[in-house]
Amino acid sequence: MAVDFRMTKKGLVLLIENYQTIDSLKQEIMTKFSEADDFFAEGDELSLMLSQDTSKPDDIVKIVSLLGDMGLKVKDILVAGKGMKNEATAQKYDLVREKVTEVRGAQVHKRTLRSGQIVVHNFDVIIFGNINPGAEVIAGGSVIVFGAARGVLRAGYSVGDSSVIAALELNSPLIQIGGLISQDYTRLDVPSVAHIRTGRIVVEPAEEARFESKEGRS
């Protein structure tokens, strides 16, 4: 079984181990919570614990989105080693929900993300603040940062290659758009945008960016 519950001193943990597909996992999660329907109420919080093998960013977006649709709030994400025996030794990422609003599907954060904090959202994410080293954003759409981006930025898990990553200062150790990842990109000291052109991630000054449309470059 890929899904199980564990009660700890800090609350309920949803354990997710090896699974075949994200669709089969989502079905198993819904079945598991349906069987324990009397135990949960809308707005309940839980921790999401995955192994290093199952902590795929694109699947994390879908899992958190599914739990949100079910009325449950993920307060943090734990990434454990093989065996997943002790949540106390797992790497912990606090899921940021304070100072958050949603505008037409986009999630807007009016804060700086500190090391160990993570934002996960199925659509666009907008940050009014900095993203410090050790913080991470995983978005189904684009990631826009009105500040300095020095943490990991992942975009396009739902939208795909048309997503962009933009920041007033883009200095992330890793950027990802859809299935493409870049670590060795040109760091610019001006507002910059990362996007996909001719099958690779390019980073350009925002005012000079040339985006690729379905018909070609624009």
N, C-alpha and C. Protein backbone atom coordinates (compact mmCIF):
# COMPACT_ATOMS: atom_id res chain seq x y z
N MET A 1 0.84 -1.20 0.00
CA MET A 1 0.00 0.00 0.00
C MET A 1 0.87 1.25 0.00
N ALA A 2 0.58 2.18 -0.89
CA ALA A 2 1.42 3.37 -1.04
C ALA A 2 1.08 4.46 -0.05
N VAL A 3 -0.13 4.41 0.54
CA VAL A 3 -0.62 5.49 1.40
C VAL A 3 -0.94 4.94 2.78
N ASP A 4 -0.53 5.69 3.83
CA ASP A 4 -0.85 5.27 5.19
C ASP A 4 -0.84 6.51 6.09
N PHE A 5 -1.42 6.37 7.27
CA PHE A 5 -1.44 7.44 8.25
C PHE A 5 -0.51 7.11 9.40
N ARG A 6 0.04 8.15 10.03
CA ARG A 6 0.81 7.97 11.26
C ARG A 6 0.50 9.14 12.18
N MET A 7 0.13 8.85 13.41
CA MET A 7 -0.14 9.89 14.39
C MET A 7 1.12 10.14 15.21
N THR A 8 1.55 11.40 15.28
CA THR A 8 2.74 11.76 16.03
C THR A 8 2.39 12.82 17.07
N LYS A 9 3.36 13.19 17.87
CA LYS A 9 3.14 14.24 18.88
C LYS A 9 2.79 15.58 18.24
N LYS A 10 3.25 15.77 17.00
CA LYS A 10 2.99 17.03 16.31
C LYS A 10 1.79 16.97 15.38
N GLY A 11 1.07 15.82 15.39
CA GLY A 11 -0.13 15.73 14.59
C GLY A 11 -0.08 14.58 13.59
N LEU A 12 -1.03 14.61 12.66
CA LEU A 12 -1.18 13.53 11.70
C LEU A 12 -0.20 13.67 10.54
N VAL A 13 0.38 12.53 10.14
CA VAL A 13 1.29 12.50 9.00
C VAL A 13 0.70 11.56 7.95
N LEU A 14 0.62 12.04 6.70
CA LEU A 14 0.22 11.19 5.59
C LEU A 14 1.48 10.66 4.92
N LEU A 15 1.67 9.34 5.00
CA LEU A 15 2.86 8.70 4.45
C LEU A 15 2.60 8.26 3.02
N ILE A 16 3.50 8.60 2.13
CA ILE A 16 3.39 8.16 0.75
C ILE A 16 4.70 7.47 0.36
N GLU A 17 4.59 6.18 0.07
CA GLU A 17 5.77 5.41 -0.33
C GLU A 17 5.69 5.10 -1.82
N ASN A 18 6.32 4.05 -2.25
CA ASN A 18 6.40 3.75 -3.68
C ASN A 18 5.01 3.59 -4.30
N TYR A 19 4.82 4.21 -5.45
CA TYR A 19 3.55 4.08 -6.17
C TYR A 19 3.84 4.02 -7.66
N GLN A 20 2.88 3.48 -8.40
CA GLN A 20 3.08 3.25 -9.83
C GLN A 20 2.90 4.52 -10.65
N THR A 21 1.76 5.16 -10.49
CA THR A 21 1.44 6.37 -11.25
C THR A 21 0.80 7.39 -10.32
N ILE A 22 0.84 8.65 -10.69
CA ILE A 22 0.22 9.68 -9.87
C ILE A 22 -1.30 9.51 -9.85
N ASP A 23 -1.89 9.02 -10.94
CA ASP A 23 -3.35 8.82 -10.96
C ASP A 23 -3.76 7.72 -9.99
N SER A 24 -3.00 6.62 -9.95
CA SER A 24 -3.32 5.55 -9.02
C SER A 24 -3.10 6.01 -7.58
N LEU A 25 -2.09 6.85 -7.36
CA LEU A 25 -1.84 7.37 -6.02
C LEU A 25 -2.99 8.27 -5.57
N LYS A 26 -3.45 9.16 -6.44
CA LYS A 26 -4.56 10.05 -6.10
C LYS A 26 -5.81 9.26 -5.75
N GLN A 27 -6.07 8.19 -6.50
CA GLN A 27 -7.22 7.35 -6.21
C GLN A 27 -7.08 6.68 -4.85
N GLU A 28 -5.87 6.23 -4.54
CA GLU A 28 -5.64 5.57 -3.25
C GLU A 28 -5.78 6.57 -2.10
N ILE A 29 -5.33 7.81 -2.30
CA ILE A 29 -5.49 8.83 -1.26
C ILE A 29 -6.97 9.09 -1.01
N MET A 30 -7.74 9.25 -2.06
CA MET A 30 -9.17 9.51 -1.89
C MET A 30 -9.87 8.34 -1.21
N THR A 31 -9.50 7.12 -1.56
CA THR A 31 -10.09 5.94 -0.92
C THR A 31 -9.72 5.89 0.56
N LYS A 32 -8.46 6.17 0.87
CA LYS A 32 -7.99 6.12 2.25
C LYS A 32 -8.74 7.11 3.13
N PHE A 33 -8.92 8.33 2.63
CA PHE A 33 -9.62 9.34 3.42
C PHE A 33 -11.11 9.05 3.48
N SER A 34 -11.66 8.46 2.43
CA SER A 34 -13.08 8.10 2.44
C SER A 34 -13.35 7.06 3.51
N GLU A 35 -12.44 6.12 3.69
CA GLU A 35 -12.61 5.06 4.69
C GLU A 35 -12.53 5.61 6.11
N ALA A 36 -11.84 6.76 6.27
CA ALA A 36 -11.68 7.37 7.59
C ALA A 36 -12.43 8.71 7.65
N ASP A 37 -13.55 8.78 6.95
CA ASP A 37 -14.26 10.05 6.79
C ASP A 37 -14.69 10.65 8.12
N ASP A 38 -15.08 9.82 9.08
CA ASP A 38 -15.55 10.33 10.37
C ASP A 38 -14.42 10.93 11.21
N PHE A 39 -13.20 10.63 10.83
CA PHE A 39 -12.05 11.08 11.62
C PHE A 39 -11.59 12.49 11.22
N PHE A 40 -11.96 12.92 10.01
CA PHE A 40 -11.46 14.20 9.50
C PHE A 40 -12.58 15.22 9.35
N ALA A 41 -12.19 16.48 9.46
CA ALA A 41 -13.12 17.59 9.23
C ALA A 41 -12.45 18.59 8.30
N GLU A 42 -13.26 19.34 7.58
CA GLU A 42 -12.71 20.33 6.65
C GLU A 42 -11.84 21.34 7.41
N GLY A 43 -10.67 21.61 6.86
CA GLY A 43 -9.74 22.55 7.50
C GLY A 43 -8.69 21.88 8.36
N ASP A 44 -8.79 20.56 8.54
CA ASP A 44 -7.78 19.84 9.33
C ASP A 44 -6.40 19.95 8.67
N GLU A 45 -5.37 19.99 9.51
CA GLU A 45 -4.00 20.10 9.01
C GLU A 45 -3.28 18.76 9.13
N LEU A 46 -2.35 18.54 8.22
CA LEU A 46 -1.53 17.34 8.29
C LEU A 46 -0.16 17.60 7.67
N SER A 47 0.76 16.71 7.96
CA SER A 47 2.08 16.74 7.33
C SER A 47 2.10 15.71 6.21
N LEU A 48 2.81 16.02 5.15
CA LEU A 48 2.95 15.11 4.01
C LEU A 48 4.38 14.58 4.03
N MET A 49 4.53 13.26 4.15
CA MET A 49 5.85 12.66 4.23
C MET A 49 6.09 11.75 3.03
N LEU A 50 7.16 12.01 2.31
CA LEU A 50 7.53 11.22 1.14
C LEU A 50 8.95 10.73 1.29
N SER A 51 9.28 9.70 0.53
CA SER A 51 10.65 9.23 0.50
C SER A 51 11.42 10.02 -0.55
N GLN A 52 12.72 9.91 -0.53
CA GLN A 52 13.53 10.58 -1.54
C GLN A 52 13.19 10.11 -2.94
N ASP A 53 12.72 8.86 -3.05
CA ASP A 53 12.36 8.30 -4.36
C ASP A 53 11.02 8.82 -4.86
N THR A 54 10.12 9.23 -3.95
CA THR A 54 8.78 9.63 -4.36
C THR A 54 8.55 11.13 -4.26
N SER A 55 9.57 11.90 -3.86
CA SER A 55 9.38 13.35 -3.69
C SER A 55 9.60 14.07 -5.03
N LYS A 56 8.77 13.72 -6.02
CA LYS A 56 8.87 14.35 -7.33
C LYS A 56 8.11 15.67 -7.30
N PRO A 57 8.77 16.78 -7.67
CA PRO A 57 8.09 18.08 -7.56
C PRO A 57 6.77 18.16 -8.30
N ASP A 58 6.70 17.58 -9.51
CA ASP A 58 5.44 17.68 -10.26
C ASP A 58 4.33 16.91 -9.57
N ASP A 59 4.64 15.78 -8.94
CA ASP A 59 3.63 15.02 -8.22
C ASP A 59 3.25 15.71 -6.91
N ILE A 60 4.20 16.37 -6.26
CA ILE A 60 3.90 17.09 -5.03
C ILE A 60 2.84 18.15 -5.28
N VAL A 61 2.95 18.88 -6.41
CA VAL A 61 1.95 19.88 -6.76
C VAL A 61 0.57 19.25 -6.83
N LYS A 62 0.46 18.09 -7.47
CA LYS A 62 -0.84 17.44 -7.66
C LYS A 62 -1.37 16.87 -6.35
N ILE A 63 -0.49 16.36 -5.49
CA ILE A 63 -0.92 15.82 -4.21
C ILE A 63 -1.45 16.92 -3.30
N VAL A 64 -0.70 18.02 -3.19
CA VAL A 64 -1.13 19.14 -2.34
C VAL A 64 -2.43 19.74 -2.87
N SER A 65 -2.56 19.84 -4.20
CA SER A 65 -3.79 20.37 -4.79
C SER A 65 -4.98 19.46 -4.49
N LEU A 66 -4.77 18.14 -4.60
CA LEU A 66 -5.85 17.19 -4.30
C LEU A 66 -6.29 17.30 -2.85
N LEU A 67 -5.34 17.33 -1.93
CA LEU A 67 -5.69 17.43 -0.50
C LEU A 67 -6.42 18.74 -0.22
N GLY A 68 -6.01 19.82 -0.90
CA GLY A 68 -6.71 21.09 -0.74
C GLY A 68 -8.14 21.00 -1.22
N ASP A 69 -8.36 20.34 -2.35
CA ASP A 69 -9.72 20.15 -2.87
C ASP A 69 -10.57 19.32 -1.92
N MET A 70 -9.92 18.47 -1.12
CA MET A 70 -10.63 17.63 -0.15
C MET A 70 -10.85 18.37 1.17
N GLY A 71 -10.41 19.63 1.23
CA GLY A 71 -10.62 20.43 2.43
C GLY A 71 -9.56 20.28 3.49
N LEU A 72 -8.42 19.67 3.13
CA LEU A 72 -7.34 19.44 4.07
C LEU A 72 -6.17 20.37 3.78
N LYS A 73 -5.47 20.78 4.83
CA LYS A 73 -4.35 21.72 4.69
C LYS A 73 -3.03 21.01 4.99
N VAL A 74 -2.09 21.09 4.05
CA VAL A 74 -0.76 20.54 4.28
C VAL A 74 0.08 21.61 4.97
N LYS A 75 0.55 21.33 6.18
CA LYS A 75 1.31 22.34 6.92
C LYS A 75 2.80 22.25 6.64
N ASP A 76 3.29 21.05 6.33
CA ASP A 76 4.70 20.91 5.97
C ASP A 76 4.91 19.64 5.16
N ILE A 77 6.05 19.59 4.49
CA ILE A 77 6.40 18.44 3.66
C ILE A 77 7.70 17.86 4.20
N LEU A 78 7.69 16.56 4.48
CA LEU A 78 8.85 15.87 5.02
C LEU A 78 9.41 14.93 3.96
N VAL A 79 10.71 15.00 3.74
CA VAL A 79 11.37 14.11 2.79
C VAL A 79 12.32 13.22 3.57
N ALA A 80 12.00 11.92 3.61
CA ALA A 80 12.76 10.97 4.44
C ALA A 80 13.64 10.09 3.58
N GLY A 81 14.56 9.43 4.22
CA GLY A 81 15.41 8.47 3.54
C GLY A 81 14.66 7.17 3.32
N LYS A 82 15.35 6.15 2.85
CA LYS A 82 14.72 4.87 2.59
C LYS A 82 14.18 4.27 3.88
N GLY A 83 13.00 3.68 3.78
CA GLY A 83 12.37 3.08 4.94
C GLY A 83 11.36 3.99 5.61
N MET A 84 11.56 5.31 5.54
CA MET A 84 10.63 6.30 6.09
C MET A 84 10.23 5.94 7.52
N LYS A 85 11.20 5.58 8.36
CA LYS A 85 10.86 5.10 9.70
C LYS A 85 10.71 6.21 10.72
N ASN A 86 11.38 7.33 10.53
CA ASN A 86 11.39 8.35 11.57
C ASN A 86 11.21 9.74 10.96
N GLU A 87 10.05 10.33 11.21
CA GLU A 87 9.80 11.67 10.67
C GLU A 87 10.68 12.72 11.32
N ALA A 88 11.23 12.41 12.51
CA ALA A 88 12.07 13.38 13.20
C ALA A 88 13.38 13.63 12.46
N THR A 89 13.84 12.65 11.68
CA THR A 89 15.10 12.80 10.95
C THR A 89 14.88 13.22 9.49
N ALA A 90 13.63 13.38 9.08
CA ALA A 90 13.34 13.76 7.70
C ALA A 90 13.63 15.25 7.47
N GLN A 91 14.00 15.57 6.25
CA GLN A 91 14.19 16.98 5.90
C GLN A 91 12.82 17.65 5.81
N LYS A 92 12.67 18.76 6.49
CA LYS A 92 11.36 19.39 6.63
C LYS A 92 11.30 20.70 5.85
N TYR A 93 10.19 20.88 5.12
CA TYR A 93 9.90 22.13 4.42
C TYR A 93 8.55 22.63 4.91
N ASP A 94 8.53 23.82 5.50
CA ASP A 94 7.27 24.39 5.96
C ASP A 94 6.50 24.97 4.79
N LEU A 95 5.26 24.51 4.61
CA LEU A 95 4.43 25.01 3.52
C LEU A 95 3.89 26.38 3.91
N VAL A 96 4.20 27.39 3.14
CA VAL A 96 3.86 28.77 3.49
C VAL A 96 2.40 29.06 3.14
N ARG A 97 1.63 29.53 4.13
CA ARG A 97 0.24 29.91 3.88
C ARG A 97 -0.09 31.29 4.45
N GLU A 98 0.79 31.85 5.28
CA GLU A 98 0.53 33.17 5.84
C GLU A 98 0.70 34.25 4.78
N LYS A 99 -0.09 35.30 4.89
CA LYS A 99 -0.03 36.44 3.97
C LYS A 99 -0.19 35.99 2.52
N VAL A 100 -1.16 35.09 2.31
CA VAL A 100 -1.38 34.54 0.98
C VAL A 100 -2.79 34.89 0.52
N THR A 101 -2.91 35.35 -0.71
CA THR A 101 -4.21 35.56 -1.33
C THR A 101 -4.18 34.89 -2.70
N GLU A 102 -5.35 34.64 -3.25
CA GLU A 102 -5.45 34.07 -4.60
C GLU A 102 -6.24 35.01 -5.49
N VAL A 103 -5.67 35.28 -6.65
CA VAL A 103 -6.29 36.16 -7.63
C VAL A 103 -6.40 35.41 -8.95
N ARG A 104 -7.62 35.06 -9.33
CA ARG A 104 -7.86 34.33 -10.58
C ARG A 104 -6.96 33.09 -10.71
N GLY A 105 -6.84 32.38 -9.63
CA GLY A 105 -6.06 31.15 -9.64
C GLY A 105 -4.62 31.32 -9.22
N ALA A 106 -4.07 32.51 -9.40
CA ALA A 106 -2.68 32.76 -9.00
C ALA A 106 -2.60 32.92 -7.49
N GLN A 107 -1.54 32.40 -6.91
CA GLN A 107 -1.32 32.52 -5.47
C GLN A 107 -0.32 33.65 -5.23
N VAL A 108 -0.71 34.62 -4.42
CA VAL A 108 0.10 35.81 -4.18
C VAL A 108 0.61 35.78 -2.73
N HIS A 109 1.94 35.83 -2.58
CA HIS A 109 2.58 35.82 -1.26
C HIS A 109 3.23 37.17 -1.01
N LYS A 110 2.85 37.82 0.06
CA LYS A 110 3.43 39.11 0.42
C LYS A 110 4.40 38.90 1.58
N ARG A 111 5.51 38.28 1.26
CA ARG A 111 6.49 37.96 2.30
C ARG A 111 7.77 37.45 1.65
N THR A 112 8.83 37.42 2.42
CA THR A 112 10.08 36.78 2.01
C THR A 112 10.06 35.33 2.47
N LEU A 113 10.52 34.44 1.60
CA LEU A 113 10.60 33.03 1.97
C LEU A 113 11.96 32.73 2.57
N ARG A 114 11.96 32.16 3.76
CA ARG A 114 13.20 31.83 4.45
C ARG A 114 13.64 30.41 4.11
N SER A 115 14.87 30.09 4.46
CA SER A 115 15.38 28.73 4.26
C SER A 115 14.48 27.73 4.97
N GLY A 116 14.15 26.62 4.27
CA GLY A 116 13.29 25.61 4.86
C GLY A 116 11.82 25.82 4.59
N GLN A 117 11.46 26.90 3.90
CA GLN A 117 10.07 27.15 3.55
C GLN A 117 9.83 26.79 2.08
N ILE A 118 8.62 26.35 1.78
CA ILE A 118 8.29 25.95 0.42
C ILE A 118 6.90 26.45 0.06
N VAL A 119 6.73 26.85 -1.17
CA VAL A 119 5.42 27.22 -1.71
C VAL A 119 5.08 26.21 -2.80
N VAL A 120 3.90 25.62 -2.71
CA VAL A 120 3.43 24.65 -3.70
C VAL A 120 2.05 25.09 -4.16
N HIS A 121 1.88 25.29 -5.47
CA HIS A 121 0.59 25.73 -5.99
C HIS A 121 0.42 25.23 -7.41
N ASN A 122 -0.81 24.89 -7.78
CA ASN A 122 -1.07 24.27 -9.07
C ASN A 122 -1.12 25.26 -10.23
N PHE A 123 -1.11 26.58 -9.91
CA PHE A 123 -1.17 27.59 -10.96
C PHE A 123 0.01 28.56 -10.78
N ASP A 124 -0.15 29.82 -11.20
CA ASP A 124 0.94 30.80 -11.08
C ASP A 124 1.20 31.16 -9.62
N VAL A 125 2.45 31.50 -9.33
CA VAL A 125 2.84 31.96 -7.99
C VAL A 125 3.54 33.32 -8.13
N ILE A 126 3.10 34.29 -7.33
CA ILE A 126 3.69 35.62 -7.32
C ILE A 126 4.20 35.91 -5.91
N ILE A 127 5.45 36.30 -5.81
CA ILE A 127 6.08 36.57 -4.51
C ILE A 127 6.46 38.05 -4.44
N PHE A 128 5.92 38.77 -3.46
CA PHE A 128 6.35 40.13 -3.18
C PHE A 128 7.34 40.06 -2.02
N GLY A 129 8.60 39.81 -2.35
CA GLY A 129 9.62 39.62 -1.34
C GLY A 129 10.76 38.81 -1.95
N ASN A 130 11.72 38.46 -1.13
CA ASN A 130 12.86 37.68 -1.60
C ASN A 130 12.62 36.18 -1.38
N ILE A 131 13.37 35.36 -2.11
CA ILE A 131 13.38 33.92 -1.88
C ILE A 131 14.80 33.58 -1.47
N ASN A 132 14.99 33.32 -0.19
CA ASN A 132 16.33 33.11 0.34
C ASN A 132 16.87 31.72 -0.02
N PRO A 133 18.19 31.54 0.04
CA PRO A 133 18.76 30.21 -0.19
C PRO A 133 18.14 29.20 0.76
N GLY A 134 17.84 28.01 0.23
CA GLY A 134 17.21 26.97 1.05
C GLY A 134 15.69 26.97 0.97
N ALA A 135 15.10 28.00 0.36
CA ALA A 135 13.65 28.04 0.14
C ALA A 135 13.36 27.53 -1.27
N GLU A 136 12.10 27.17 -1.53
CA GLU A 136 11.77 26.60 -2.83
C GLU A 136 10.34 26.96 -3.22
N VAL A 137 10.14 27.15 -4.51
CA VAL A 137 8.80 27.37 -5.06
C VAL A 137 8.54 26.31 -6.13
N ILE A 138 7.40 25.64 -6.03
CA ILE A 138 6.98 24.65 -7.04
C ILE A 138 5.63 25.10 -7.56
N ALA A 139 5.56 25.45 -8.82
CA ALA A 139 4.34 26.03 -9.39
C ALA A 139 3.88 25.26 -10.61
N GLY A 140 2.57 25.15 -10.76
CA GLY A 140 2.02 24.56 -11.96
C GLY A 140 2.13 25.48 -13.15
N GLY A 141 2.16 26.81 -12.87
CA GLY A 141 2.29 27.81 -13.92
C GLY A 141 3.61 28.56 -13.80
N SER A 142 3.55 29.88 -13.94
CA SER A 142 4.75 30.71 -13.89
C SER A 142 5.09 31.13 -12.46
N VAL A 143 6.33 31.55 -12.26
CA VAL A 143 6.79 32.07 -10.97
C VAL A 143 7.32 33.48 -11.20
N ILE A 144 6.73 34.44 -10.50
CA ILE A 144 7.13 35.85 -10.63
C ILE A 144 7.57 36.34 -9.25
N VAL A 145 8.78 36.87 -9.17
CA VAL A 145 9.35 37.30 -7.88
C VAL A 145 9.68 38.78 -7.93
N PHE A 146 8.99 39.56 -7.13
CA PHE A 146 9.30 40.98 -7.00
C PHE A 146 10.33 41.13 -5.87
N GLY A 147 11.53 40.67 -6.16
CA GLY A 147 12.60 40.67 -5.18
C GLY A 147 13.74 39.83 -5.71
N ALA A 148 14.64 39.44 -4.82
CA ALA A 148 15.79 38.63 -5.19
C ALA A 148 15.46 37.16 -5.03
N ALA A 149 15.70 36.37 -6.08
CA ALA A 149 15.42 34.93 -6.05
C ALA A 149 16.72 34.17 -5.91
N ARG A 150 16.95 33.61 -4.73
CA ARG A 150 18.18 32.86 -4.47
C ARG A 150 17.89 31.43 -4.04
N GLY A 151 16.62 31.03 -4.07
CA GLY A 151 16.24 29.66 -3.77
C GLY A 151 15.86 28.93 -5.05
N VAL A 152 15.49 27.67 -4.92
CA VAL A 152 15.14 26.85 -6.08
C VAL A 152 13.76 27.24 -6.60
N LEU A 153 13.66 27.42 -7.92
CA LEU A 153 12.40 27.80 -8.56
C LEU A 153 12.02 26.75 -9.60
N ARG A 154 10.82 26.19 -9.47
CA ARG A 154 10.33 25.20 -10.42
C ARG A 154 8.97 25.66 -10.94
N ALA A 155 8.82 25.74 -12.25
CA ALA A 155 7.59 26.24 -12.86
C ALA A 155 7.11 25.28 -13.95
N GLY A 156 5.83 25.43 -14.31
CA GLY A 156 5.33 24.75 -15.50
C GLY A 156 4.90 23.32 -15.34
N TYR A 157 4.61 22.85 -14.11
CA TYR A 157 4.21 21.46 -13.95
C TYR A 157 2.83 21.18 -14.49
N SER A 158 1.99 22.21 -14.57
CA SER A 158 0.66 22.05 -15.16
C SER A 158 0.59 22.67 -16.55
N VAL A 159 1.14 23.88 -16.67
CA VAL A 159 1.04 24.64 -17.92
C VAL A 159 2.04 24.17 -18.96
N GLY A 160 3.24 23.78 -18.48
CA GLY A 160 4.26 23.29 -19.40
C GLY A 160 5.23 24.36 -19.86
N ASP A 161 5.71 24.23 -21.10
CA ASP A 161 6.80 25.05 -21.61
C ASP A 161 6.46 26.53 -21.78
N SER A 162 5.18 26.88 -21.75
CA SER A 162 4.81 28.29 -21.92
C SER A 162 5.00 29.09 -20.63
N SER A 163 5.29 28.42 -19.53
CA SER A 163 5.52 29.11 -18.25
C SER A 163 6.85 29.86 -18.28
N VAL A 164 6.96 30.86 -17.41
CA VAL A 164 8.20 31.63 -17.28
C VAL A 164 8.56 31.76 -15.81
N ILE A 165 9.82 32.10 -15.57
CA ILE A 165 10.30 32.47 -14.25
C ILE A 165 10.90 33.86 -14.37
N ALA A 166 10.44 34.79 -13.57
CA ALA A 166 10.93 36.17 -13.65
C ALA A 166 11.22 36.70 -12.24
N ALA A 167 12.25 37.52 -12.12
CA ALA A 167 12.62 38.08 -10.83
C ALA A 167 13.38 39.38 -11.04
N LEU A 168 13.31 40.25 -10.04
CA LEU A 168 14.10 41.48 -10.10
C LEU A 168 15.59 41.15 -10.03
N GLU A 169 15.91 40.08 -9.32
CA GLU A 169 17.29 39.55 -9.31
C GLU A 169 17.19 38.04 -9.35
N LEU A 170 17.60 37.43 -10.45
CA LEU A 170 17.48 35.99 -10.63
C LEU A 170 18.84 35.33 -10.40
N ASN A 171 18.99 34.74 -9.22
CA ASN A 171 20.27 34.11 -8.86
C ASN A 171 20.01 32.78 -8.16
N SER A 172 19.07 32.02 -8.68
CA SER A 172 18.70 30.74 -8.10
C SER A 172 19.74 29.68 -8.45
N PRO A 173 20.02 28.76 -7.51
CA PRO A 173 20.97 27.69 -7.83
C PRO A 173 20.41 26.71 -8.86
N LEU A 174 19.08 26.66 -8.96
CA LEU A 174 18.44 25.76 -9.93
C LEU A 174 17.12 26.36 -10.36
N ILE A 175 16.89 26.42 -11.67
CA ILE A 175 15.59 26.81 -12.20
C ILE A 175 15.08 25.70 -13.10
N GLN A 176 13.79 25.50 -13.06
CA GLN A 176 13.18 24.44 -13.86
C GLN A 176 11.89 24.95 -14.48
N ILE A 177 11.71 24.68 -15.76
CA ILE A 177 10.46 25.00 -16.46
C ILE A 177 10.03 23.74 -17.18
N GLY A 178 8.87 23.21 -16.81
CA GLY A 178 8.43 21.94 -17.38
C GLY A 178 9.45 20.86 -17.07
N GLY A 179 9.89 20.16 -18.08
CA GLY A 179 10.86 19.09 -17.87
C GLY A 179 12.30 19.51 -18.02
N LEU A 180 12.56 20.80 -18.24
CA LEU A 180 13.93 21.29 -18.44
C LEU A 180 14.47 21.93 -17.17
N ILE A 181 15.73 21.65 -16.87
CA ILE A 181 16.40 22.17 -15.68
C ILE A 181 17.67 22.89 -16.11
N SER A 182 17.96 24.01 -15.43
CA SER A 182 19.20 24.74 -15.70
C SER A 182 19.83 25.21 -14.39
N GLN A 183 21.11 24.97 -14.25
CA GLN A 183 21.88 25.49 -13.13
C GLN A 183 23.01 26.40 -13.62
N ASP A 184 23.46 26.16 -14.82
CA ASP A 184 24.58 26.91 -15.39
C ASP A 184 24.05 27.94 -16.38
N TYR A 185 23.35 28.93 -15.85
CA TYR A 185 22.80 29.97 -16.70
C TYR A 185 23.45 31.31 -16.35
N THR A 186 23.29 32.29 -17.22
CA THR A 186 23.90 33.60 -17.00
C THR A 186 23.13 34.37 -15.94
N ARG A 187 23.83 34.72 -14.85
CA ARG A 187 23.23 35.55 -13.79
C ARG A 187 23.33 37.02 -14.20
N LEU A 188 22.20 37.71 -14.17
CA LEU A 188 22.15 39.12 -14.56
C LEU A 188 21.77 39.97 -13.36
N ASP A 189 22.32 41.18 -13.29
CA ASP A 189 22.01 42.07 -12.16
C ASP A 189 20.90 43.05 -12.51
N VAL A 190 20.04 42.66 -13.43
CA VAL A 190 18.87 43.47 -13.82
C VAL A 190 17.65 42.56 -13.78
N PRO A 191 16.43 43.13 -13.76
CA PRO A 191 15.23 42.28 -13.81
C PRO A 191 15.31 41.32 -15.00
N SER A 192 15.13 40.03 -14.72
CA SER A 192 15.38 39.00 -15.73
C SER A 192 14.20 38.05 -15.83
N VAL A 193 14.13 37.38 -16.97
CA VAL A 193 13.10 36.37 -17.18
C VAL A 193 13.72 35.13 -17.81
N ALA A 194 13.36 33.97 -17.26
CA ALA A 194 13.79 32.69 -17.82
C ALA A 194 12.59 32.08 -18.54
N HIS A 195 12.83 31.60 -19.75
CA HIS A 195 11.75 30.98 -20.52
C HIS A 195 12.37 29.98 -21.48
N ILE A 196 11.52 29.21 -22.14
CA ILE A 196 12.02 28.18 -23.05
C ILE A 196 11.95 28.71 -24.48
N ARG A 197 13.10 28.58 -25.16
CA ARG A 197 13.18 28.94 -26.58
C ARG A 197 14.04 27.90 -27.29
N THR A 198 13.54 27.40 -28.38
CA THR A 198 14.22 26.37 -29.18
C THR A 198 14.65 25.18 -28.32
N GLY A 199 13.77 24.78 -27.41
CA GLY A 199 14.01 23.57 -26.65
C GLY A 199 14.97 23.68 -25.49
N ARG A 200 15.31 24.90 -25.07
CA ARG A 200 16.20 25.06 -23.91
C ARG A 200 15.80 26.29 -23.11
N ILE A 201 16.24 26.33 -21.85
CA ILE A 201 15.95 27.48 -21.01
C ILE A 201 16.94 28.60 -21.32
N VAL A 202 16.43 29.78 -21.59
CA VAL A 202 17.26 30.97 -21.77
C VAL A 202 16.87 32.00 -20.72
N VAL A 203 17.87 32.76 -20.28
CA VAL A 203 17.63 33.84 -19.31
C VAL A 203 18.06 35.15 -19.95
N GLU A 204 17.16 36.12 -19.96
CA GLU A 204 17.41 37.40 -20.62
C GLU A 204 16.94 38.55 -19.75
N PRO A 205 17.49 39.75 -19.95
CA PRO A 205 16.90 40.92 -19.30
C PRO A 205 15.44 41.03 -19.69
N ALA A 206 14.59 41.37 -18.75
CA ALA A 206 13.15 41.38 -18.99
C ALA A 206 12.77 42.26 -20.17
N GLU A 207 13.44 43.41 -20.31
CA GLU A 207 13.07 44.34 -21.38
C GLU A 207 13.56 43.88 -22.75
N GLU A 208 14.41 42.86 -22.78
CA GLU A 208 14.93 42.37 -24.06
C GLU A 208 14.45 40.95 -24.39
N ALA A 209 13.57 40.41 -23.56
CA ALA A 209 13.17 39.01 -23.73
C ALA A 209 12.43 38.79 -25.04
N ARG A 210 12.80 37.74 -25.74
CA ARG A 210 12.13 37.34 -26.99
C ARG A 210 11.49 35.98 -26.76
N PHE A 211 10.19 35.98 -26.63
CA PHE A 211 9.48 34.75 -26.30
C PHE A 211 9.12 33.97 -27.56
N GLU A 212 9.10 32.68 -27.41
CA GLU A 212 8.76 31.79 -28.51
C GLU A 212 7.28 31.48 -28.48
N SER A 213 6.58 31.77 -29.56
CA SER A 213 5.18 31.45 -29.68
C SER A 213 5.02 30.17 -30.49
N LYS A 214 3.78 29.73 -30.66
CA LYS A 214 3.55 28.52 -31.44
C LYS A 214 3.97 28.71 -32.90
N GLU A 215 3.90 29.96 -33.36
CA GLU A 215 4.28 30.24 -34.73
C GLU A 215 5.77 30.49 -34.89
N GLY A 216 6.46 30.66 -33.73
CA GLY A 216 7.89 30.97 -33.79
C GLY A 216 8.22 32.03 -32.76
N ARG A 217 9.28 32.78 -32.99
CA ARG A 217 9.69 33.78 -32.01
C ARG A 217 8.81 35.02 -32.11
N SER A 218 8.70 35.70 -30.94
CA SER A 218 7.94 36.94 -30.91
C SER A 218 8.82 38.05 -30.32
